[in-house]
N, C-alpha and C. Protein backbone atom coordinates (compact mmCIF):
# COMPACT_ATOMS: atom_id res chain seq x y z
N MET A 1 -127.26 16.21 -75.17
CA MET A 1 -126.04 16.23 -75.95
C MET A 1 -125.00 17.06 -75.19
N VAL A 2 -123.84 16.49 -75.02
CA VAL A 2 -122.75 17.14 -74.28
C VAL A 2 -122.38 18.45 -74.94
N ASN A 3 -122.26 18.46 -76.27
CA ASN A 3 -121.79 19.67 -76.94
C ASN A 3 -122.72 20.88 -76.71
N GLN A 4 -124.02 20.61 -76.53
CA GLN A 4 -124.95 21.72 -76.22
C GLN A 4 -124.80 22.16 -74.78
N THR A 5 -124.52 21.22 -73.89
CA THR A 5 -124.35 21.55 -72.46
C THR A 5 -123.15 22.44 -72.25
N VAL A 6 -122.07 22.18 -72.93
CA VAL A 6 -120.86 23.02 -72.77
C VAL A 6 -120.81 24.17 -73.75
N ARG A 7 -121.84 24.34 -74.54
CA ARG A 7 -121.98 25.47 -75.48
C ARG A 7 -120.76 25.63 -76.38
N VAL A 8 -120.44 24.54 -77.06
CA VAL A 8 -119.27 24.51 -77.91
C VAL A 8 -119.52 25.12 -79.31
N GLN A 9 -120.76 25.33 -79.68
CA GLN A 9 -121.06 25.79 -81.04
C GLN A 9 -120.32 27.05 -81.44
N PRO A 10 -120.23 28.09 -80.58
CA PRO A 10 -119.48 29.30 -80.96
C PRO A 10 -117.99 28.99 -81.23
N VAL A 11 -117.45 28.05 -80.50
CA VAL A 11 -116.06 27.64 -80.75
C VAL A 11 -115.92 26.98 -82.11
N TRP A 12 -116.85 26.04 -82.43
CA TRP A 12 -116.85 25.41 -83.73
C TRP A 12 -117.05 26.47 -84.83
N ASN A 13 -117.96 27.40 -84.61
CA ASN A 13 -118.21 28.45 -85.60
C ASN A 13 -116.96 29.27 -85.89
N ALA A 14 -116.07 29.36 -84.91
CA ALA A 14 -114.81 30.09 -85.08
C ALA A 14 -113.77 29.20 -85.76
N GLY A 15 -114.16 27.98 -86.09
CA GLY A 15 -113.24 27.08 -86.83
C GLY A 15 -112.35 26.25 -85.94
N ILE A 16 -112.62 26.22 -84.65
CA ILE A 16 -111.81 25.43 -83.70
C ILE A 16 -112.50 24.12 -83.45
N THR A 17 -111.92 23.06 -83.97
CA THR A 17 -112.52 21.71 -83.88
C THR A 17 -111.60 20.65 -83.28
N GLY A 18 -110.41 21.03 -82.89
CA GLY A 18 -109.41 20.07 -82.38
C GLY A 18 -108.44 19.59 -83.45
N SER A 19 -108.62 20.05 -84.67
CA SER A 19 -107.77 19.63 -85.77
C SER A 19 -106.28 19.90 -85.41
N GLY A 20 -105.46 18.89 -85.57
CA GLY A 20 -104.04 19.00 -85.30
C GLY A 20 -103.63 18.81 -83.86
N ILE A 21 -104.58 18.56 -82.99
CA ILE A 21 -104.26 18.36 -81.56
C ILE A 21 -104.31 16.85 -81.27
N ASN A 22 -103.27 16.35 -80.66
CA ASN A 22 -103.22 14.90 -80.33
C ASN A 22 -103.70 14.71 -78.88
N VAL A 23 -104.74 13.92 -78.75
CA VAL A 23 -105.39 13.69 -77.46
C VAL A 23 -105.20 12.25 -77.06
N SER A 24 -104.85 12.04 -75.81
CA SER A 24 -104.71 10.70 -75.26
C SER A 24 -105.76 10.49 -74.17
N VAL A 25 -106.41 9.29 -74.21
CA VAL A 25 -107.35 8.93 -73.19
C VAL A 25 -106.63 7.93 -72.28
N VAL A 26 -106.27 8.36 -71.07
CA VAL A 26 -105.55 7.53 -70.11
C VAL A 26 -106.52 6.83 -69.20
N GLU A 27 -106.62 5.54 -69.34
CA GLU A 27 -107.57 4.73 -68.56
C GLU A 27 -106.95 3.33 -68.37
N SER A 28 -107.63 2.50 -67.56
CA SER A 28 -107.16 1.13 -67.45
C SER A 28 -107.52 0.35 -68.73
N GLY A 29 -108.69 0.59 -69.30
CA GLY A 29 -109.11 -0.11 -70.51
C GLY A 29 -108.89 0.76 -71.75
N GLY A 30 -109.02 0.10 -72.91
CA GLY A 30 -108.77 0.77 -74.17
C GLY A 30 -110.02 1.23 -74.89
N ILE A 31 -109.80 2.08 -75.87
CA ILE A 31 -110.87 2.56 -76.73
C ILE A 31 -111.19 1.48 -77.76
N ASN A 32 -112.48 1.27 -78.02
CA ASN A 32 -112.88 0.34 -79.06
C ASN A 32 -112.94 1.13 -80.36
N PHE A 33 -111.90 1.06 -81.16
CA PHE A 33 -111.86 1.81 -82.41
C PHE A 33 -112.72 1.19 -83.49
N LEU A 34 -113.39 0.08 -83.20
CA LEU A 34 -114.38 -0.47 -84.14
C LEU A 34 -115.68 0.31 -84.11
N ASN A 35 -115.83 1.20 -83.10
CA ASN A 35 -116.98 2.08 -83.04
C ASN A 35 -117.03 2.92 -84.32
N PRO A 36 -118.11 2.89 -85.07
CA PRO A 36 -118.14 3.58 -86.35
C PRO A 36 -118.06 5.10 -86.26
N ASN A 37 -118.21 5.68 -85.07
CA ASN A 37 -118.17 7.12 -84.92
C ASN A 37 -116.77 7.65 -84.59
N LEU A 38 -115.83 6.73 -84.45
CA LEU A 38 -114.46 7.14 -84.11
C LEU A 38 -113.51 6.80 -85.26
N THR A 39 -112.52 7.65 -85.45
CA THR A 39 -111.47 7.32 -86.42
C THR A 39 -110.46 6.40 -85.76
N GLN A 40 -109.73 5.66 -86.54
CA GLN A 40 -108.74 4.71 -86.01
C GLN A 40 -107.70 5.47 -85.22
N GLY A 41 -107.21 4.86 -84.15
CA GLY A 41 -106.16 5.49 -83.31
C GLY A 41 -105.12 4.45 -82.96
N ASN A 42 -104.31 4.74 -81.97
CA ASN A 42 -103.23 3.84 -81.55
C ASN A 42 -103.41 3.43 -80.10
N TYR A 43 -102.90 2.24 -79.79
CA TYR A 43 -102.98 1.68 -78.43
C TYR A 43 -101.61 1.59 -77.77
N TYR A 44 -101.59 1.85 -76.48
CA TYR A 44 -100.43 1.56 -75.67
C TYR A 44 -100.25 0.07 -75.58
N LYS A 45 -101.35 -0.63 -75.29
CA LYS A 45 -101.35 -2.12 -75.21
C LYS A 45 -102.38 -2.60 -76.25
N PRO A 46 -101.92 -2.91 -77.49
CA PRO A 46 -102.84 -3.29 -78.54
C PRO A 46 -103.75 -4.46 -78.23
N ASN A 47 -103.28 -5.39 -77.42
CA ASN A 47 -104.10 -6.57 -77.08
C ASN A 47 -104.84 -6.45 -75.77
N GLY A 48 -104.85 -5.26 -75.19
CA GLY A 48 -105.54 -5.03 -73.91
C GLY A 48 -107.04 -5.03 -74.10
N PHE A 49 -107.76 -5.12 -72.98
CA PHE A 49 -109.25 -5.15 -73.07
C PHE A 49 -109.77 -3.78 -73.48
N LYS A 50 -110.87 -3.81 -74.23
CA LYS A 50 -111.51 -2.60 -74.70
C LYS A 50 -112.64 -2.28 -73.72
N SER A 51 -112.73 -1.07 -73.26
CA SER A 51 -113.67 -0.67 -72.22
C SER A 51 -114.79 0.19 -72.79
N PRO A 52 -116.07 -0.15 -72.51
CA PRO A 52 -117.17 0.71 -72.91
C PRO A 52 -117.00 2.14 -72.36
N HIS A 53 -116.58 2.24 -71.10
CA HIS A 53 -116.40 3.58 -70.47
C HIS A 53 -115.37 4.36 -71.25
N THR A 54 -114.23 3.78 -71.56
CA THR A 54 -113.17 4.48 -72.25
C THR A 54 -113.63 4.89 -73.66
N THR A 55 -114.37 4.00 -74.30
CA THR A 55 -114.91 4.31 -75.64
C THR A 55 -115.92 5.45 -75.58
N GLU A 56 -116.71 5.50 -74.53
CA GLU A 56 -117.66 6.59 -74.37
C GLU A 56 -116.92 7.92 -74.14
N VAL A 57 -115.86 7.88 -73.35
CA VAL A 57 -115.05 9.08 -73.15
C VAL A 57 -114.47 9.56 -74.48
N ALA A 58 -113.99 8.58 -75.27
CA ALA A 58 -113.45 8.91 -76.60
C ALA A 58 -114.53 9.56 -77.47
N GLY A 59 -115.75 9.08 -77.37
CA GLY A 59 -116.84 9.63 -78.15
C GLY A 59 -117.15 11.07 -77.76
N ILE A 60 -117.12 11.35 -76.47
CA ILE A 60 -117.34 12.73 -76.01
C ILE A 60 -116.28 13.66 -76.61
N ILE A 61 -115.06 13.16 -76.73
CA ILE A 61 -113.97 13.96 -77.25
C ILE A 61 -114.05 14.05 -78.78
N ALA A 62 -114.18 12.92 -79.47
CA ALA A 62 -113.89 12.90 -80.91
C ALA A 62 -114.91 12.22 -81.80
N SER A 63 -116.14 12.05 -81.33
CA SER A 63 -117.14 11.42 -82.19
C SER A 63 -117.28 12.15 -83.50
N GLN A 64 -117.34 11.40 -84.59
CA GLN A 64 -117.53 11.96 -85.92
C GLN A 64 -119.00 11.91 -86.37
N ASN A 65 -119.87 11.43 -85.47
CA ASN A 65 -121.30 11.32 -85.80
C ASN A 65 -121.84 12.72 -86.12
N THR A 66 -122.60 12.84 -87.18
CA THR A 66 -123.06 14.15 -87.62
C THR A 66 -124.05 14.78 -86.62
N THR A 67 -124.83 13.96 -85.93
CA THR A 67 -125.76 14.48 -84.93
C THR A 67 -125.12 14.68 -83.59
N TYR A 68 -124.27 13.75 -83.19
CA TYR A 68 -123.66 13.77 -81.85
C TYR A 68 -122.15 13.89 -81.99
N LYS A 69 -121.69 15.04 -82.47
CA LYS A 69 -120.26 15.27 -82.62
C LYS A 69 -119.58 15.35 -81.24
N GLY A 70 -118.33 14.91 -81.26
CA GLY A 70 -117.52 15.08 -80.05
C GLY A 70 -117.10 16.56 -79.91
N ILE A 71 -116.74 16.96 -78.72
CA ILE A 71 -116.37 18.32 -78.45
C ILE A 71 -115.22 18.76 -79.36
N SER A 72 -114.26 17.87 -79.58
CA SER A 72 -113.11 18.15 -80.46
C SER A 72 -113.12 17.16 -81.62
N TYR A 73 -114.20 17.14 -82.35
CA TYR A 73 -114.43 16.12 -83.39
C TYR A 73 -113.35 16.13 -84.49
N GLY A 74 -112.55 17.15 -84.57
CA GLY A 74 -111.55 17.28 -85.63
C GLY A 74 -110.18 16.69 -85.23
N VAL A 75 -110.04 16.14 -84.03
CA VAL A 75 -108.75 15.59 -83.64
C VAL A 75 -108.39 14.42 -84.54
N PRO A 76 -107.08 14.25 -84.81
CA PRO A 76 -106.70 13.02 -85.52
C PRO A 76 -106.97 11.84 -84.63
N GLY A 77 -106.70 10.65 -85.07
CA GLY A 77 -106.96 9.46 -84.26
C GLY A 77 -106.48 9.61 -82.83
N LEU A 78 -107.26 9.20 -81.89
CA LEU A 78 -106.91 9.31 -80.48
C LEU A 78 -105.83 8.32 -80.09
N LEU A 79 -105.13 8.64 -79.03
CA LEU A 79 -104.15 7.71 -78.45
C LEU A 79 -104.82 7.05 -77.26
N SER A 80 -104.96 5.75 -77.34
CA SER A 80 -105.56 4.99 -76.22
C SER A 80 -104.45 4.55 -75.29
N ALA A 81 -104.23 5.32 -74.24
CA ALA A 81 -103.21 5.01 -73.24
C ALA A 81 -103.79 4.05 -72.24
N ASN A 82 -104.12 2.85 -72.73
CA ASN A 82 -104.78 1.82 -71.91
C ASN A 82 -103.77 1.08 -71.05
N ALA A 83 -103.77 1.43 -69.80
CA ALA A 83 -102.75 0.99 -68.83
C ALA A 83 -102.91 -0.50 -68.44
N GLY A 84 -104.08 -1.02 -68.61
CA GLY A 84 -104.31 -2.42 -68.22
C GLY A 84 -104.76 -2.56 -66.78
N THR A 85 -104.38 -1.64 -65.89
CA THR A 85 -104.82 -1.65 -64.51
C THR A 85 -105.03 -0.20 -64.09
N SER A 86 -105.55 0.01 -62.89
CA SER A 86 -105.68 1.36 -62.37
C SER A 86 -104.62 1.66 -61.33
N GLN A 87 -103.53 0.89 -61.34
CA GLN A 87 -102.40 1.15 -60.46
C GLN A 87 -101.57 2.31 -60.96
N GLU A 88 -101.11 3.15 -60.03
CA GLU A 88 -100.35 4.35 -60.43
C GLU A 88 -99.20 4.08 -61.38
N PRO A 89 -98.32 3.10 -61.10
CA PRO A 89 -97.20 2.89 -62.03
C PRO A 89 -97.64 2.56 -63.44
N ASP A 90 -98.73 1.80 -63.58
CA ASP A 90 -99.24 1.44 -64.92
C ASP A 90 -99.81 2.66 -65.62
N LEU A 91 -100.56 3.50 -64.89
CA LEU A 91 -101.12 4.72 -65.47
C LEU A 91 -100.02 5.70 -65.86
N ILE A 92 -98.99 5.79 -65.07
CA ILE A 92 -97.86 6.66 -65.39
C ILE A 92 -97.14 6.15 -66.64
N ASN A 93 -96.90 4.83 -66.73
CA ASN A 93 -96.25 4.29 -67.90
C ASN A 93 -97.08 4.55 -69.18
N ALA A 94 -98.39 4.38 -69.06
CA ALA A 94 -99.27 4.63 -70.22
C ALA A 94 -99.23 6.11 -70.58
N SER A 95 -99.21 7.00 -69.60
CA SER A 95 -99.11 8.41 -69.86
C SER A 95 -97.78 8.79 -70.50
N ASP A 96 -96.71 8.19 -70.06
CA ASP A 96 -95.41 8.43 -70.66
C ASP A 96 -95.44 8.00 -72.13
N TRP A 97 -96.06 6.85 -72.41
CA TRP A 97 -96.20 6.41 -73.79
C TRP A 97 -96.94 7.44 -74.63
N ALA A 98 -98.02 7.98 -74.07
CA ALA A 98 -98.81 8.99 -74.79
C ALA A 98 -97.96 10.22 -75.10
N ILE A 99 -97.22 10.69 -74.11
CA ILE A 99 -96.36 11.85 -74.30
C ILE A 99 -95.30 11.56 -75.39
N ASN A 100 -94.73 10.36 -75.32
CA ASN A 100 -93.69 10.00 -76.32
C ASN A 100 -94.30 9.83 -77.73
N ASN A 101 -95.63 9.71 -77.80
CA ASN A 101 -96.31 9.60 -79.07
C ASN A 101 -97.04 10.90 -79.42
N SER A 102 -96.52 11.97 -78.92
CA SER A 102 -96.94 13.36 -79.31
C SER A 102 -98.29 13.80 -78.76
N ALA A 103 -98.74 13.24 -77.65
CA ALA A 103 -100.00 13.73 -77.08
C ALA A 103 -99.82 15.17 -76.60
N ASN A 104 -100.75 16.03 -76.98
CA ASN A 104 -100.77 17.40 -76.45
C ASN A 104 -101.62 17.49 -75.20
N ILE A 105 -102.67 16.60 -75.15
CA ILE A 105 -103.62 16.58 -74.03
C ILE A 105 -103.73 15.16 -73.53
N LEU A 106 -103.70 15.01 -72.21
CA LEU A 106 -103.94 13.71 -71.57
C LEU A 106 -105.19 13.86 -70.73
N THR A 107 -106.21 13.08 -71.07
CA THR A 107 -107.46 13.15 -70.32
C THR A 107 -107.62 11.89 -69.49
N ASN A 108 -108.10 12.06 -68.28
CA ASN A 108 -108.25 10.96 -67.32
C ASN A 108 -109.61 11.05 -66.65
N SER A 109 -110.35 9.95 -66.63
CA SER A 109 -111.65 10.02 -65.98
C SER A 109 -111.84 8.92 -64.93
N TYR A 110 -110.78 8.65 -64.26
CA TYR A 110 -110.83 7.71 -63.12
C TYR A 110 -110.60 8.55 -61.87
N GLY A 111 -110.78 7.95 -60.73
CA GLY A 111 -110.55 8.70 -59.49
C GLY A 111 -110.01 7.81 -58.38
N ASN A 112 -109.44 8.42 -57.42
CA ASN A 112 -109.04 7.72 -56.19
C ASN A 112 -109.13 8.69 -55.05
N ASP A 113 -109.47 8.20 -53.93
CA ASP A 113 -109.65 9.03 -52.73
C ASP A 113 -108.38 8.99 -51.92
N THR A 114 -107.65 10.09 -51.88
CA THR A 114 -106.37 10.12 -51.15
C THR A 114 -106.51 10.94 -49.84
N GLY A 115 -107.73 11.25 -49.48
CA GLY A 115 -107.95 12.02 -48.27
C GLY A 115 -107.29 13.40 -48.34
N ARG A 116 -107.29 13.99 -49.52
CA ARG A 116 -106.75 15.31 -49.80
C ARG A 116 -105.22 15.38 -49.60
N VAL A 117 -104.58 14.26 -49.71
CA VAL A 117 -103.10 14.22 -49.69
C VAL A 117 -102.64 13.93 -51.08
N LEU A 118 -101.70 14.68 -51.59
CA LEU A 118 -101.21 14.49 -52.95
C LEU A 118 -100.62 13.08 -53.09
N SER A 119 -101.07 12.41 -54.15
CA SER A 119 -100.57 11.04 -54.41
C SER A 119 -99.42 11.13 -55.41
N GLY A 120 -98.82 10.00 -55.67
CA GLY A 120 -97.74 9.94 -56.65
C GLY A 120 -98.17 10.41 -58.04
N ILE A 121 -99.39 10.01 -58.44
CA ILE A 121 -99.82 10.37 -59.79
C ILE A 121 -100.19 11.86 -59.82
N ASP A 122 -100.62 12.43 -58.71
CA ASP A 122 -100.84 13.90 -58.67
C ASP A 122 -99.57 14.62 -58.93
N LYS A 123 -98.50 14.19 -58.30
CA LYS A 123 -97.17 14.83 -58.46
C LYS A 123 -96.66 14.56 -59.88
N TYR A 124 -96.90 13.38 -60.40
CA TYR A 124 -96.47 13.07 -61.77
C TYR A 124 -97.13 14.02 -62.77
N PHE A 125 -98.49 14.19 -62.65
CA PHE A 125 -99.17 15.06 -63.58
C PHE A 125 -98.79 16.54 -63.38
N ASP A 126 -98.45 16.96 -62.18
CA ASP A 126 -97.89 18.30 -61.99
C ASP A 126 -96.60 18.44 -62.84
N HIS A 127 -95.78 17.42 -62.79
CA HIS A 127 -94.53 17.41 -63.57
C HIS A 127 -94.86 17.49 -65.10
N VAL A 128 -95.85 16.70 -65.52
CA VAL A 128 -96.22 16.69 -66.93
C VAL A 128 -96.65 18.08 -67.39
N VAL A 129 -97.42 18.76 -66.56
CA VAL A 129 -97.89 20.11 -66.93
C VAL A 129 -96.73 21.09 -66.94
N TRP A 130 -95.93 21.12 -65.90
CA TRP A 130 -94.85 22.12 -65.77
C TRP A 130 -93.66 21.82 -66.64
N GLU A 131 -93.25 20.59 -66.73
CA GLU A 131 -91.99 20.28 -67.43
C GLU A 131 -92.21 19.84 -68.88
N GLU A 132 -93.29 19.09 -69.12
CA GLU A 132 -93.56 18.59 -70.48
C GLU A 132 -94.46 19.57 -71.25
N ARG A 133 -95.05 20.52 -70.56
CA ARG A 133 -95.93 21.52 -71.17
C ARG A 133 -97.14 20.88 -71.87
N LYS A 134 -97.73 19.89 -71.19
CA LYS A 134 -98.93 19.21 -71.72
C LYS A 134 -100.12 19.66 -70.90
N THR A 135 -101.30 19.57 -71.51
CA THR A 135 -102.55 19.83 -70.81
C THR A 135 -103.04 18.52 -70.23
N VAL A 136 -103.38 18.48 -68.98
CA VAL A 136 -103.91 17.29 -68.31
C VAL A 136 -105.29 17.63 -67.78
N THR A 137 -106.26 16.81 -68.11
CA THR A 137 -107.63 16.99 -67.57
C THR A 137 -107.99 15.77 -66.75
N VAL A 138 -108.76 16.04 -65.70
CA VAL A 138 -109.22 14.96 -64.84
C VAL A 138 -110.70 15.15 -64.63
N ALA A 139 -111.46 14.05 -64.60
CA ALA A 139 -112.90 14.11 -64.48
C ALA A 139 -113.33 14.72 -63.16
N ALA A 140 -114.35 15.53 -63.26
CA ALA A 140 -115.00 16.05 -62.04
C ALA A 140 -116.05 15.03 -61.62
N GLY A 141 -116.25 14.86 -60.38
CA GLY A 141 -117.29 13.95 -59.90
C GLY A 141 -116.77 12.60 -59.46
N ASN A 142 -115.57 12.22 -59.88
CA ASN A 142 -114.96 11.03 -59.32
C ASN A 142 -114.36 11.40 -58.01
N ASN A 143 -113.91 10.40 -57.25
CA ASN A 143 -113.35 10.73 -55.91
C ASN A 143 -112.23 11.73 -55.99
């Protein structure tokens, strides 16, 4: 269980569950909100494909399952910033949509290998953190 691995129980015991925080999952595919462990959320592209990977990421964040709670199980419905592709302009447009829909946190679990040279999306997310005052997370372990 992820929540045991990251030792979130003391945080939950302090009453911190993600309540009132708007989280966006920025991916090429969308969250499948038909998953019974997730509350309904909003889509950037409502008719876009639903991705098992994106849905699993959403579960890690916000699962309502009593045994396998998400790290921030108290967040209101997630924002599925489903870009439709993994191209930088599409991911940036999806992220802009999330920001315009009150996302406090933008989480990303895709990767690209830029040979340690800052890419356009790296610079974009620097802007989001510094100018928009949003928290941006990126998966460890991807390229």
